[in-house]
Protein backbone atom coordinates (compact mmCIF):
# COMPACT_ATOMS: atom_id res chain seq x y z
CA UNK A 1 9.31 1.22 -17.46
CA UNK A 2 11.75 -1.66 -18.32
CA UNK A 3 15.13 -0.77 -16.95
CA UNK A 4 15.75 -0.92 -13.26
CA UNK A 5 19.65 -0.98 -12.88
CA UNK A 6 20.88 1.89 -10.85
CA UNK A 7 17.38 3.56 -10.51
CA UNK A 8 16.07 4.92 -7.05
CA UNK A 9 13.27 3.24 -5.38
CA UNK A 10 11.17 4.67 -2.36
CA UNK A 11 9.32 2.02 -0.55
CA UNK A 12 6.92 3.03 2.32
CA UNK A 13 6.06 0.12 4.66
CA UNK A 14 9.37 -1.07 3.53
CA UNK A 15 10.51 -3.06 6.71
CA UNK A 16 8.15 -5.99 6.47
CA UNK A 17 5.52 -7.80 4.30
CA UNK A 18 5.00 -6.85 0.62
CA UNK A 19 7.29 -3.57 1.15
CA UNK A 20 10.12 -5.84 2.33
CA UNK A 21 9.59 -8.16 -0.57
CA UNK A 22 9.86 -5.16 -2.99
CA UNK A 23 12.91 -4.12 -1.43
CA UNK A 24 14.42 -7.51 -1.98
CA UNK A 25 13.36 -7.30 -5.76
CA UNK A 26 14.96 -3.77 -6.14
CA UNK A 27 18.14 -5.05 -4.52
CA UNK A 28 18.25 -8.10 -6.92
CA UNK A 29 17.98 -5.50 -9.79
CA UNK A 30 20.82 -3.35 -8.47
CA UNK A 31 18.59 -0.42 -7.54
CA UNK A 32 19.17 2.05 -4.92
CA UNK A 33 16.63 1.69 -2.20
CA UNK A 34 15.04 4.04 0.21
CA UNK A 35 13.20 2.34 3.05
CA UNK A 36 10.66 4.36 4.83
CA UNK A 37 8.65 2.66 7.86
CA UNK A 38 7.37 3.76 11.03
CA UNK A 39 8.62 0.69 13.04
CA UNK A 40 12.34 1.58 13.69
CA UNK A 41 13.49 -1.75 14.75
CA UNK A 42 12.10 -3.63 11.84
CA UNK A 43 13.40 -0.99 9.62
CA UNK A 44 17.12 -1.08 10.56
CA UNK A 45 16.89 -4.90 10.48
CA UNK A 46 15.64 -4.86 6.86
CA UNK A 47 18.36 -2.29 6.20
CA UNK A 48 21.20 -4.27 7.65
CA UNK A 49 19.90 -7.51 5.73
CA UNK A 50 19.78 -5.62 2.44
CA UNK A 51 22.99 -3.93 2.95
CA UNK A 52 24.52 -7.17 3.56
CA UNK A 53 23.66 -8.43 0.03
CA UNK A 54 25.58 -5.48 -1.40
CA UNK A 55 22.44 -3.24 -1.85
CA UNK A 56 22.76 0.53 -1.42
CA UNK A 57 20.14 1.55 1.16
CA UNK A 58 18.76 4.80 2.84
CA UNK A 59 16.47 4.08 5.72
CA UNK A 60 14.19 6.73 6.98
CA UNK A 61 11.88 6.29 10.09
CA UNK A 62 8.59 7.52 8.56
CA UNK A 63 4.98 8.00 9.67
CA UNK A 64 3.23 8.48 6.18
CA UNK A 65 0.32 10.12 8.01
CA UNK A 66 2.58 13.03 8.92
CA UNK A 67 3.04 15.42 6.02
CA UNK A 68 6.17 16.69 7.64
CA UNK A 69 7.75 13.17 7.43
CA UNK A 70 7.13 12.95 3.82
CA UNK A 71 8.97 16.22 3.26
CA UNK A 72 11.92 14.83 5.20
CA UNK A 73 11.83 11.70 3.43
CA UNK A 74 12.04 13.80 0.15
CA UNK A 75 14.88 15.82 1.45
CA UNK A 76 16.87 12.83 2.60
CA UNK A 77 16.39 11.04 -0.75
CA UNK A 78 17.37 13.92 -2.86
CA UNK A 79 20.28 14.70 -0.73
CA UNK A 80 21.65 10.98 -0.83
CA UNK A 81 20.66 10.16 -4.40
CA UNK A 82 19.37 13.26 -6.27
CA UNK A 83 16.19 11.88 -7.42
CA UNK A 84 13.62 9.02 -7.52
CA UNK A 85 12.33 6.92 -10.34
CA UNK A 86 10.04 4.25 -8.62
CA UNK A 87 7.58 5.15 -5.63
CA UNK A 88 5.95 2.29 -3.97
CA UNK A 89 3.03 3.56 -1.81
CA UNK A 90 2.76 0.37 0.03
CA UNK A 91 1.55 1.04 3.82
CA UNK A 92 -1.77 -0.28 4.80
CA UNK A 93 -3.35 -0.52 8.33
CA UNK A 94 -6.90 -1.56 9.62
CA UNK A 95 -8.71 -0.83 12.78
CA UNK A 96 -12.12 -0.01 14.34
CA UNK A 97 -15.46 -1.64 14.39
CA UNK A 98 -18.33 -0.97 12.03
CA UNK A 99 -18.93 2.35 10.50
CA UNK A 100 -21.05 3.91 13.21
CA UNK A 101 -19.35 2.36 16.14
CA UNK A 102 -15.71 3.22 15.12
CA UNK A 103 -14.30 6.13 16.99
CA UNK A 104 -13.00 9.27 15.31
CA UNK A 105 -9.45 8.46 16.24
CA UNK A 106 -9.92 4.89 14.57
CA UNK A 107 -11.09 6.79 11.43
CA UNK A 108 -8.30 9.37 11.62
CA UNK A 109 -5.53 6.79 12.00
CA UNK A 110 -6.52 4.53 9.26
CA UNK A 111 -7.26 7.35 6.77
CA UNK A 112 -4.26 9.18 7.71
CA UNK A 113 -2.12 5.99 6.81
CA UNK A 114 -4.12 4.49 3.90
CA UNK A 115 -5.23 7.55 2.07
CA UNK A 116 -3.44 10.72 3.12
CA UNK A 117 -0.11 8.94 3.08
CA UNK A 118 -0.57 8.54 -0.65
CA UNK A 119 -1.93 11.98 -1.04
CA UNK A 120 1.25 13.38 0.73
CA UNK A 121 3.79 11.37 -1.21
CA UNK A 122 1.94 12.21 -4.54
CA UNK A 123 2.00 15.89 -4.00
CA UNK A 124 5.68 15.77 -2.94
CA UNK A 125 7.24 13.22 -5.17
CA UNK A 126 5.26 13.69 -8.57
CA UNK A 127 6.70 17.04 -9.14
CA UNK A 128 10.20 15.69 -8.43
CA UNK A 129 9.67 12.92 -10.94
CA UNK A 130 8.34 15.39 -13.51
CA UNK A 131 11.34 17.56 -13.28
CA UNK A 132 13.55 14.59 -13.86
CA UNK A 133 11.90 14.34 -17.40
CA UNK A 134 12.78 10.41 -17.61
CA UNK A 135 10.89 7.17 -17.15
CA UNK A 136 9.37 6.95 -13.76
CA UNK A 137 6.59 4.74 -12.13
CA UNK A 138 4.28 4.85 -9.05
CA UNK A 139 2.73 1.86 -7.47
CA UNK A 140 0.03 2.34 -4.99
CA UNK A 141 -0.91 -0.65 -2.80
CA UNK A 142 -4.85 -0.67 -2.43
CA UNK A 143 -6.55 -4.21 -1.92
CA UNK A 144 -9.25 -6.34 -3.35
CA UNK A 145 -11.27 -4.73 -0.64
CA UNK A 146 -11.00 -1.54 -2.65
CA UNK A 147 -12.83 -3.03 -5.60
CA UNK A 148 -15.29 -5.13 -3.73
CA UNK A 149 -18.32 -4.33 -1.63
CA UNK A 150 -18.95 -6.10 1.64
CA UNK A 151 -19.55 -5.87 5.30
CA UNK A 152 -16.75 -5.60 8.10
CA UNK A 153 -13.22 -3.98 8.00
CA UNK A 154 -15.24 -0.80 7.23
CA UNK A 155 -12.57 1.95 7.53
CA UNK A 156 -10.15 -0.16 5.74
CA UNK A 157 -12.57 -0.67 2.93
CA UNK A 158 -13.51 3.00 2.79
CA UNK A 159 -9.73 3.99 2.60
CA UNK A 160 -9.00 1.59 -0.24
CA UNK A 161 -11.98 2.48 -2.23
CA UNK A 162 -10.69 6.07 -2.21
CA UNK A 163 -7.10 5.03 -2.79
CA UNK A 164 -8.45 3.22 -6.07
CA UNK A 165 -10.06 6.34 -7.15
CA UNK A 166 -6.92 8.52 -6.36
CA UNK A 167 -4.75 6.12 -8.42
CA UNK A 168 -7.09 6.11 -11.36
CA UNK A 169 -7.38 9.73 -11.32
CA UNK A 170 -3.63 10.14 -11.14
CA UNK A 171 -2.98 7.95 -14.13
CA UNK A 172 -5.50 9.87 -16.23
CA UNK A 173 -4.16 13.24 -15.12
CA UNK A 174 -0.45 12.32 -15.84
CA UNK A 175 -1.59 10.96 -19.14
CA UNK A 176 -3.15 14.38 -20.06
CA UNK A 177 0.27 15.97 -19.11
CA UNK A 178 1.89 13.62 -21.60
CA UNK A 179 4.54 12.74 -18.61
CA UNK A 180 6.85 9.99 -18.53
CA UNK A 181 5.41 8.71 -15.26
CA UNK A 182 3.52 5.20 -15.17
CA UNK A 183 1.06 4.36 -12.63
CA UNK A 184 -0.03 1.05 -11.40
CA UNK A 185 -2.61 0.00 -8.73
CA UNK A 186 -1.86 -3.14 -6.83
CA UNK A 187 -4.97 -4.86 -5.27
CA UNK A 188 -3.95 -8.06 -3.65
CA UNK A 189 -6.25 -10.39 -1.75
CA UNK A 190 -4.93 -12.39 1.09
CA UNK A 191 -1.10 -12.00 1.64
CA UNK A 192 0.81 -13.55 4.58
CA UNK A 193 1.93 -10.38 6.42
CA UNK A 194 1.42 -8.72 9.76
CA UNK A 195 -1.30 -6.44 8.74
CA UNK A 196 -3.71 -7.96 11.08
CA UNK A 197 -1.27 -6.59 13.84
CA UNK A 198 -1.00 -3.25 12.48
CA UNK A 199 -2.09 -1.74 15.86
CA UNK A 200 1.40 -2.48 17.21
CA UNK A 201 2.34 0.85 15.13
CA UNK A 202 -0.73 2.92 16.10
CA UNK A 203 0.62 6.37 17.19
CA UNK A 204 0.09 7.38 20.72
CA UNK A 205 -2.08 10.45 19.68
CA UNK A 206 -4.71 7.82 18.48
CA UNK A 207 -4.39 5.31 21.27
CA UNK A 208 -5.60 7.30 24.41
CA UNK A 209 -8.30 5.58 26.51
CA UNK A 210 -11.51 5.55 24.57
CA UNK A 211 -9.62 6.12 21.13
CA UNK A 212 -9.73 2.65 20.30
CA UNK A 213 -13.06 0.93 19.55
CA UNK A 214 -13.40 -2.85 20.42
CA UNK A 215 -14.89 -4.82 17.54
CA UNK A 216 -18.49 -6.10 17.96
CA UNK A 217 -19.09 -9.90 18.02
CA UNK A 218 -19.96 -9.79 14.27
CA UNK A 219 -16.84 -7.80 13.50
CA UNK A 220 -14.66 -10.02 15.65
CA UNK A 221 -15.99 -12.93 13.55
CA UNK A 222 -15.01 -11.17 10.26
CA UNK A 223 -11.51 -10.20 11.80
CA UNK A 224 -10.67 -13.83 12.70
CA UNK A 225 -11.91 -14.88 9.02
CA UNK A 226 -9.45 -12.25 7.64
CA UNK A 227 -6.70 -13.42 10.03
CA UNK A 228 -7.13 -16.89 8.96
CA UNK A 229 -6.88 -15.84 5.25
CA UNK A 230 -3.91 -13.76 5.84
CA UNK A 231 -2.00 -16.69 7.42
CA UNK A 232 -2.84 -18.76 4.54
CA UNK A 233 -2.10 -16.14 2.13
CA UNK A 234 0.30 -15.84 -0.91
CA UNK A 235 3.75 -14.94 0.01
CA UNK A 236 4.93 -11.19 -0.23
CA UNK A 237 7.52 -12.31 -2.77
CA UNK A 238 4.85 -13.51 -5.19
CA UNK A 239 3.21 -10.11 -4.97
CA UNK A 240 6.43 -8.50 -5.68
CA UNK A 241 6.98 -10.62 -8.75
CA UNK A 242 3.66 -9.60 -10.14
CA UNK A 243 4.32 -6.04 -9.37
CA UNK A 244 7.38 -5.69 -11.07
CA UNK A 245 6.04 -7.49 -14.13
CA UNK A 246 3.34 -4.94 -14.28
CA UNK A 247 5.85 -2.13 -14.20
CA UNK A 248 7.94 -3.74 -16.87
CA UNK A 249 4.74 -3.86 -19.13
CA UNK A 250 3.22 -0.46 -17.97
CA UNK A 251 0.15 -2.46 -16.70
CA UNK A 252 -2.16 -0.45 -14.42
CA UNK A 253 -4.44 -3.00 -12.53
CA UNK A 254 -2.49 -5.65 -10.80
CA UNK A 255 -4.57 -8.54 -9.37
CA UNK A 256 -2.37 -11.23 -7.88
CA UNK A 257 -5.35 -12.95 -6.73
CA UNK A 258 -7.29 -14.34 -9.57
CA UNK A 259 -10.20 -15.38 -7.33
CA UNK A 260 -10.96 -11.82 -6.47
CA UNK A 261 -12.10 -11.16 -9.96
CA UNK A 262 -15.46 -12.96 -9.55
CA UNK A 263 -16.46 -10.71 -6.53
CA UNK A 264 -15.28 -7.64 -8.68
CA UNK A 265 -17.09 -8.69 -11.67
CA UNK A 266 -20.25 -9.29 -9.43
CA UNK A 267 -19.96 -5.61 -8.04
CA UNK A 268 -19.71 -4.29 -11.47
CA UNK A 269 -22.67 -6.02 -12.92
CA UNK A 270 -24.75 -5.08 -9.93
CA UNK A 271 -23.93 -1.33 -10.64
CA UNK A 272 -24.80 -1.52 -14.30
CA UNK A 273 -27.90 -3.49 -13.68
CA UNK A 274 -28.92 -1.07 -10.92
CA UNK A 275 -29.13 -4.10 -8.37
CA UNK A 276 -28.67 -3.94 -4.52
CA UNK A 277 -25.28 -4.90 -3.70
CA UNK A 278 -24.50 -8.59 -2.43
CA UNK A 279 -21.40 -9.95 -1.07
CA UNK A 280 -19.18 -13.18 -1.73
CA UNK A 281 -17.32 -14.38 1.08
CA UNK A 282 -13.92 -15.35 -0.12
CA UNK A 283 -12.91 -18.93 0.72
CA UNK A 284 -9.88 -19.66 2.76
CA UNK A 285 -7.69 -22.80 2.30
CA UNK A 286 -8.35 -25.83 4.37
């Protein structure tokens, strides 16, 4: 997919971070933009900023973990623009402790957002794209954590590994149907966003007393390491540039962090050699 002018793009998690950078790139390419985000104040701030640049923007407060919200997002998009050619499934949250200590609410919240959000949007928007019978593209934002193995950030890792499989399978299934829908899997490493503060948007039904598991001392160390890496990470604008280049060239795997390839290669070799898994701790900048 190489022409973006006047196309319609939906961006979940579009109010901040990578989603916001993708929205700016869409605006620069004269696309109509549908911003979906659960954080209402940030959403309308992004809407105002983009509109002031001359972009056409529709903002819809959306909890991607709520299937009804996705149907509403589709209805409003079709009512306003009549279709959608680009879908960016970009939302991601993290929470909980280790696998056995995390609460069921921790699991439900993270999986609802990181995995079920993409399941819902795929089920709703792929039929719409197929009906258009024109060039379209879907980008699912996973993570290098979805291609590696290691301790910590456990529910997030599980969700992103599942999203990798969902996206790869979607790619093959759309190929079998000879559709005109391209698919890309974005797996960034550390990016300077607010993902470490994702709990600010945790719905009340997953935030009752006892629902949120405090991290263990070991988990706290990993969280602080991740937070430091995120603060030193690449800019969302850089990730957006990588992403649009991949869409233009119909490229599936998008790895903005070249250093992640070492850990990915090690995991693949261990699988093929039937070795026990090991873990490379990524380095952060001084």
